[in-house]
Amino acid sequence: MALGFYFASNSFSPEQYDDAISRLEAAGAGSPPGRSYHCAFAAGPNLHIFDVWDSQEAFEKFGETLMPILGDLGDDPGEPVVAEIHNVVVG
């Protein structure tokens, strides 16, 4: 069962996001196994994130790489809203 994860950080700037993406790519985690969809979108001056993951376990494994990077950047994404995915339409 796929899961959607929505992070509504009040402090994640586009610059921090770009830096995080660069660091994830350098760590070999730019396209992690189990993530089928990633979206970063503007919400005022900051970015919110929505991902679709194959499982909670895949998401947690990615978090082992992501969370230290976010900590270095000074961002705490907080707890995500998590929901089962009913349907995804692409294109």
N, C-alpha and C. Protein backbone atom coordinates (compact mmCIF):
# COMPACT_ATOMS: atom_id res chain seq x y z
N MET A 1 0.84 -1.17 0.00
CA MET A 1 0.00 0.00 0.00
C MET A 1 0.89 1.24 0.00
N ALA A 2 0.71 2.11 -0.95
CA ALA A 2 1.47 3.35 -1.03
C ALA A 2 0.96 4.35 0.00
N LEU A 3 1.89 5.18 0.47
CA LEU A 3 1.57 6.19 1.46
C LEU A 3 2.02 7.55 0.97
N GLY A 4 1.21 8.57 1.25
CA GLY A 4 1.57 9.95 0.97
C GLY A 4 2.07 10.61 2.25
N PHE A 5 3.15 11.39 2.12
CA PHE A 5 3.74 12.11 3.25
C PHE A 5 3.78 13.59 2.90
N TYR A 6 3.12 14.42 3.71
CA TYR A 6 3.06 15.85 3.48
C TYR A 6 3.75 16.57 4.64
N PHE A 7 4.79 17.36 4.29
CA PHE A 7 5.52 18.15 5.27
C PHE A 7 5.23 19.62 5.03
N ALA A 8 4.70 20.29 6.04
CA ALA A 8 4.35 21.71 5.94
C ALA A 8 5.26 22.53 6.84
N SER A 9 6.55 22.53 6.53
CA SER A 9 7.52 23.26 7.33
C SER A 9 7.30 24.77 7.20
N ASN A 10 7.49 25.47 8.29
CA ASN A 10 7.38 26.93 8.28
C ASN A 10 8.74 27.60 8.13
N SER A 11 9.79 26.79 7.85
CA SER A 11 11.12 27.38 7.82
C SER A 11 12.03 26.78 6.75
N PHE A 12 11.49 26.12 5.74
CA PHE A 12 12.30 25.44 4.73
C PHE A 12 12.33 26.30 3.47
N SER A 13 13.41 27.07 3.32
CA SER A 13 13.52 28.00 2.18
C SER A 13 13.90 27.25 0.91
N PRO A 14 13.65 27.87 -0.24
CA PRO A 14 14.08 27.26 -1.50
C PRO A 14 15.59 27.01 -1.53
N GLU A 15 16.37 27.89 -0.92
CA GLU A 15 17.82 27.71 -0.89
C GLU A 15 18.20 26.49 -0.06
N GLN A 16 17.55 26.31 1.10
CA GLN A 16 17.81 25.12 1.92
C GLN A 16 17.40 23.86 1.16
N TYR A 17 16.28 23.91 0.48
CA TYR A 17 15.82 22.77 -0.30
C TYR A 17 16.86 22.39 -1.37
N ASP A 18 17.32 23.39 -2.13
CA ASP A 18 18.30 23.11 -3.18
C ASP A 18 19.58 22.52 -2.60
N ASP A 19 20.00 23.02 -1.46
CA ASP A 19 21.19 22.49 -0.78
C ASP A 19 20.94 21.05 -0.34
N ALA A 20 19.76 20.79 0.23
CA ALA A 20 19.43 19.43 0.67
C ALA A 20 19.43 18.46 -0.51
N ILE A 21 18.86 18.86 -1.63
CA ILE A 21 18.82 18.01 -2.82
C ILE A 21 20.25 17.70 -3.28
N SER A 22 21.11 18.71 -3.32
CA SER A 22 22.51 18.50 -3.71
C SER A 22 23.20 17.51 -2.78
N ARG A 23 22.97 17.66 -1.50
CA ARG A 23 23.60 16.76 -0.52
C ARG A 23 23.05 15.35 -0.63
N LEU A 24 21.75 15.22 -0.87
CA LEU A 24 21.17 13.89 -1.06
C LEU A 24 21.75 13.20 -2.29
N GLU A 25 21.87 13.95 -3.38
CA GLU A 25 22.46 13.38 -4.59
C GLU A 25 23.89 12.95 -4.35
N ALA A 26 24.67 13.77 -3.64
CA ALA A 26 26.06 13.43 -3.32
C ALA A 26 26.14 12.18 -2.45
N ALA A 27 25.13 11.96 -1.62
CA ALA A 27 25.09 10.78 -0.74
C ALA A 27 24.50 9.56 -1.44
N GLY A 28 24.14 9.71 -2.72
CA GLY A 28 23.55 8.60 -3.46
C GLY A 28 22.08 8.36 -3.15
N ALA A 29 21.42 9.37 -2.57
CA ALA A 29 20.02 9.22 -2.17
C ALA A 29 19.11 10.21 -2.89
N GLY A 30 19.51 10.66 -4.07
CA GLY A 30 18.69 11.60 -4.82
C GLY A 30 17.40 11.00 -5.34
N SER A 31 17.45 9.72 -5.69
CA SER A 31 16.26 8.98 -6.14
C SER A 31 16.18 7.70 -5.33
N PRO A 32 15.73 7.80 -4.10
CA PRO A 32 15.79 6.65 -3.20
C PRO A 32 14.82 5.54 -3.57
N PRO A 33 15.20 4.30 -3.32
CA PRO A 33 14.30 3.17 -3.57
C PRO A 33 13.03 3.33 -2.74
N GLY A 34 11.90 3.07 -3.35
CA GLY A 34 10.63 3.12 -2.63
C GLY A 34 9.87 4.42 -2.77
N ARG A 35 10.54 5.48 -3.24
CA ARG A 35 9.83 6.75 -3.45
C ARG A 35 9.43 6.82 -4.91
N SER A 36 8.12 6.94 -5.16
CA SER A 36 7.64 6.97 -6.54
C SER A 36 7.29 8.38 -7.01
N TYR A 37 7.21 9.34 -6.08
CA TYR A 37 6.80 10.69 -6.45
C TYR A 37 7.34 11.67 -5.43
N HIS A 38 7.84 12.82 -5.91
CA HIS A 38 8.32 13.88 -5.02
C HIS A 38 7.89 15.21 -5.60
N CYS A 39 7.38 16.08 -4.75
CA CYS A 39 6.95 17.41 -5.17
C CYS A 39 7.32 18.41 -4.07
N ALA A 40 7.97 19.49 -4.47
CA ALA A 40 8.25 20.61 -3.56
C ALA A 40 7.52 21.81 -4.14
N PHE A 41 6.70 22.47 -3.31
CA PHE A 41 5.92 23.59 -3.81
C PHE A 41 5.94 24.76 -2.84
N ALA A 42 5.79 25.96 -3.41
CA ALA A 42 5.86 27.18 -2.61
C ALA A 42 4.62 27.34 -1.75
N ALA A 43 4.87 27.76 -0.54
CA ALA A 43 3.80 28.13 0.41
C ALA A 43 4.30 29.39 1.11
N GLY A 44 4.05 30.53 0.49
CA GLY A 44 4.65 31.76 0.97
C GLY A 44 6.13 31.72 0.63
N PRO A 45 6.99 32.15 1.56
CA PRO A 45 8.42 32.18 1.26
C PRO A 45 9.11 30.82 1.41
N ASN A 46 8.39 29.83 1.90
CA ASN A 46 8.97 28.52 2.17
C ASN A 46 8.43 27.46 1.24
N LEU A 47 9.01 26.27 1.33
CA LEU A 47 8.56 25.15 0.52
C LEU A 47 7.90 24.09 1.39
N HIS A 48 6.88 23.48 0.85
CA HIS A 48 6.25 22.31 1.45
C HIS A 48 6.60 21.13 0.55
N ILE A 49 6.57 19.95 1.13
CA ILE A 49 6.99 18.74 0.42
C ILE A 49 5.86 17.71 0.47
N PHE A 50 5.63 17.06 -0.69
CA PHE A 50 4.70 15.93 -0.75
C PHE A 50 5.39 14.80 -1.49
N ASP A 51 5.48 13.65 -0.85
CA ASP A 51 6.09 12.46 -1.43
C ASP A 51 5.12 11.30 -1.39
N VAL A 52 5.27 10.38 -2.33
CA VAL A 52 4.57 9.10 -2.31
C VAL A 52 5.63 8.01 -2.16
N TRP A 53 5.44 7.17 -1.16
CA TRP A 53 6.37 6.09 -0.85
C TRP A 53 5.64 4.76 -0.92
N ASP A 54 6.38 3.72 -1.29
CA ASP A 54 5.82 2.36 -1.36
C ASP A 54 5.46 1.83 0.02
N SER A 55 6.22 2.27 1.04
CA SER A 55 6.00 1.74 2.38
C SER A 55 6.58 2.68 3.44
N GLN A 56 6.12 2.52 4.65
CA GLN A 56 6.67 3.25 5.79
C GLN A 56 8.15 2.92 5.96
N GLU A 57 8.50 1.65 5.75
CA GLU A 57 9.88 1.21 5.93
C GLU A 57 10.82 1.91 4.94
N ALA A 58 10.40 2.04 3.69
CA ALA A 58 11.23 2.72 2.69
C ALA A 58 11.42 4.20 3.06
N PHE A 59 10.35 4.82 3.53
CA PHE A 59 10.42 6.22 3.97
C PHE A 59 11.38 6.37 5.14
N GLU A 60 11.29 5.48 6.12
CA GLU A 60 12.15 5.55 7.30
C GLU A 60 13.62 5.31 6.93
N LYS A 61 13.88 4.41 6.00
CA LYS A 61 15.26 4.16 5.55
C LYS A 61 15.84 5.43 4.93
N PHE A 62 15.08 6.12 4.10
CA PHE A 62 15.51 7.38 3.50
C PHE A 62 15.77 8.43 4.59
N GLY A 63 14.94 8.44 5.62
CA GLY A 63 15.10 9.39 6.71
C GLY A 63 16.44 9.28 7.41
N GLU A 64 17.05 8.09 7.39
CA GLU A 64 18.37 7.92 8.00
C GLU A 64 19.42 8.79 7.31
N THR A 65 19.23 9.05 6.03
CA THR A 65 20.14 9.93 5.29
C THR A 65 19.65 11.38 5.33
N LEU A 66 18.34 11.57 5.18
CA LEU A 66 17.77 12.91 5.09
C LEU A 66 17.88 13.71 6.38
N MET A 67 17.53 13.11 7.51
CA MET A 67 17.42 13.89 8.74
C MET A 67 18.73 14.55 9.18
N PRO A 68 19.89 13.87 9.09
CA PRO A 68 21.13 14.58 9.43
C PRO A 68 21.41 15.76 8.49
N ILE A 69 21.04 15.62 7.23
CA ILE A 69 21.22 16.72 6.27
C ILE A 69 20.34 17.90 6.67
N LEU A 70 19.08 17.64 6.98
CA LEU A 70 18.19 18.72 7.39
C LEU A 70 18.67 19.37 8.68
N GLY A 71 19.19 18.56 9.60
CA GLY A 71 19.73 19.10 10.84
C GLY A 71 20.89 20.05 10.59
N ASP A 72 21.78 19.67 9.66
CA ASP A 72 22.91 20.54 9.30
C ASP A 72 22.43 21.85 8.69
N LEU A 73 21.31 21.81 8.00
CA LEU A 73 20.77 23.01 7.35
C LEU A 73 19.90 23.84 8.29
N GLY A 74 19.67 23.34 9.49
CA GLY A 74 18.88 24.09 10.46
C GLY A 74 17.39 23.97 10.28
N ASP A 75 16.94 22.91 9.58
CA ASP A 75 15.50 22.74 9.37
C ASP A 75 15.00 21.53 10.14
N ASP A 76 13.88 21.70 10.80
CA ASP A 76 13.17 20.61 11.44
C ASP A 76 11.83 20.48 10.73
N PRO A 77 11.66 19.43 9.90
CA PRO A 77 10.43 19.32 9.12
C PRO A 77 9.19 19.01 9.94
N GLY A 78 9.37 18.64 11.20
CA GLY A 78 8.22 18.28 12.03
C GLY A 78 7.65 16.94 11.60
N GLU A 79 6.50 16.63 12.12
CA GLU A 79 5.84 15.36 11.80
C GLU A 79 5.00 15.53 10.54
N PRO A 80 5.12 14.58 9.62
CA PRO A 80 4.32 14.69 8.41
C PRO A 80 2.88 14.24 8.63
N VAL A 81 2.01 14.71 7.77
CA VAL A 81 0.68 14.14 7.64
C VAL A 81 0.87 12.93 6.74
N VAL A 82 0.40 11.76 7.17
CA VAL A 82 0.58 10.52 6.42
C VAL A 82 -0.79 9.95 6.09
N ALA A 83 -0.97 9.54 4.84
CA ALA A 83 -2.26 8.98 4.42
C ALA A 83 -2.04 7.91 3.37
N GLU A 84 -2.92 6.91 3.37
CA GLU A 84 -2.90 5.90 2.32
C GLU A 84 -3.28 6.56 1.00
N ILE A 85 -2.57 6.17 -0.05
CA ILE A 85 -2.86 6.70 -1.39
C ILE A 85 -3.99 5.88 -2.00
N HIS A 86 -5.02 6.55 -2.43
CA HIS A 86 -6.15 5.89 -3.08
C HIS A 86 -5.91 5.76 -4.59
N ASN A 87 -5.36 6.82 -5.20
CA ASN A 87 -5.16 6.81 -6.64
C ASN A 87 -4.16 7.90 -7.01
N VAL A 88 -3.34 7.63 -8.03
CA VAL A 88 -2.44 8.62 -8.60
C VAL A 88 -2.68 8.63 -10.11
N VAL A 89 -2.87 9.81 -10.67
CA VAL A 89 -3.04 9.96 -12.10
C VAL A 89 -1.84 10.76 -12.60
N VAL A 90 -1.12 10.23 -13.57
CA VAL A 90 0.04 10.90 -14.14
C VAL A 90 -0.26 11.26 -15.58
N GLY A 91 0.01 12.50 -15.94
CA GLY A 91 -0.19 12.93 -17.33
C GLY A 91 -1.60 13.34 -17.64
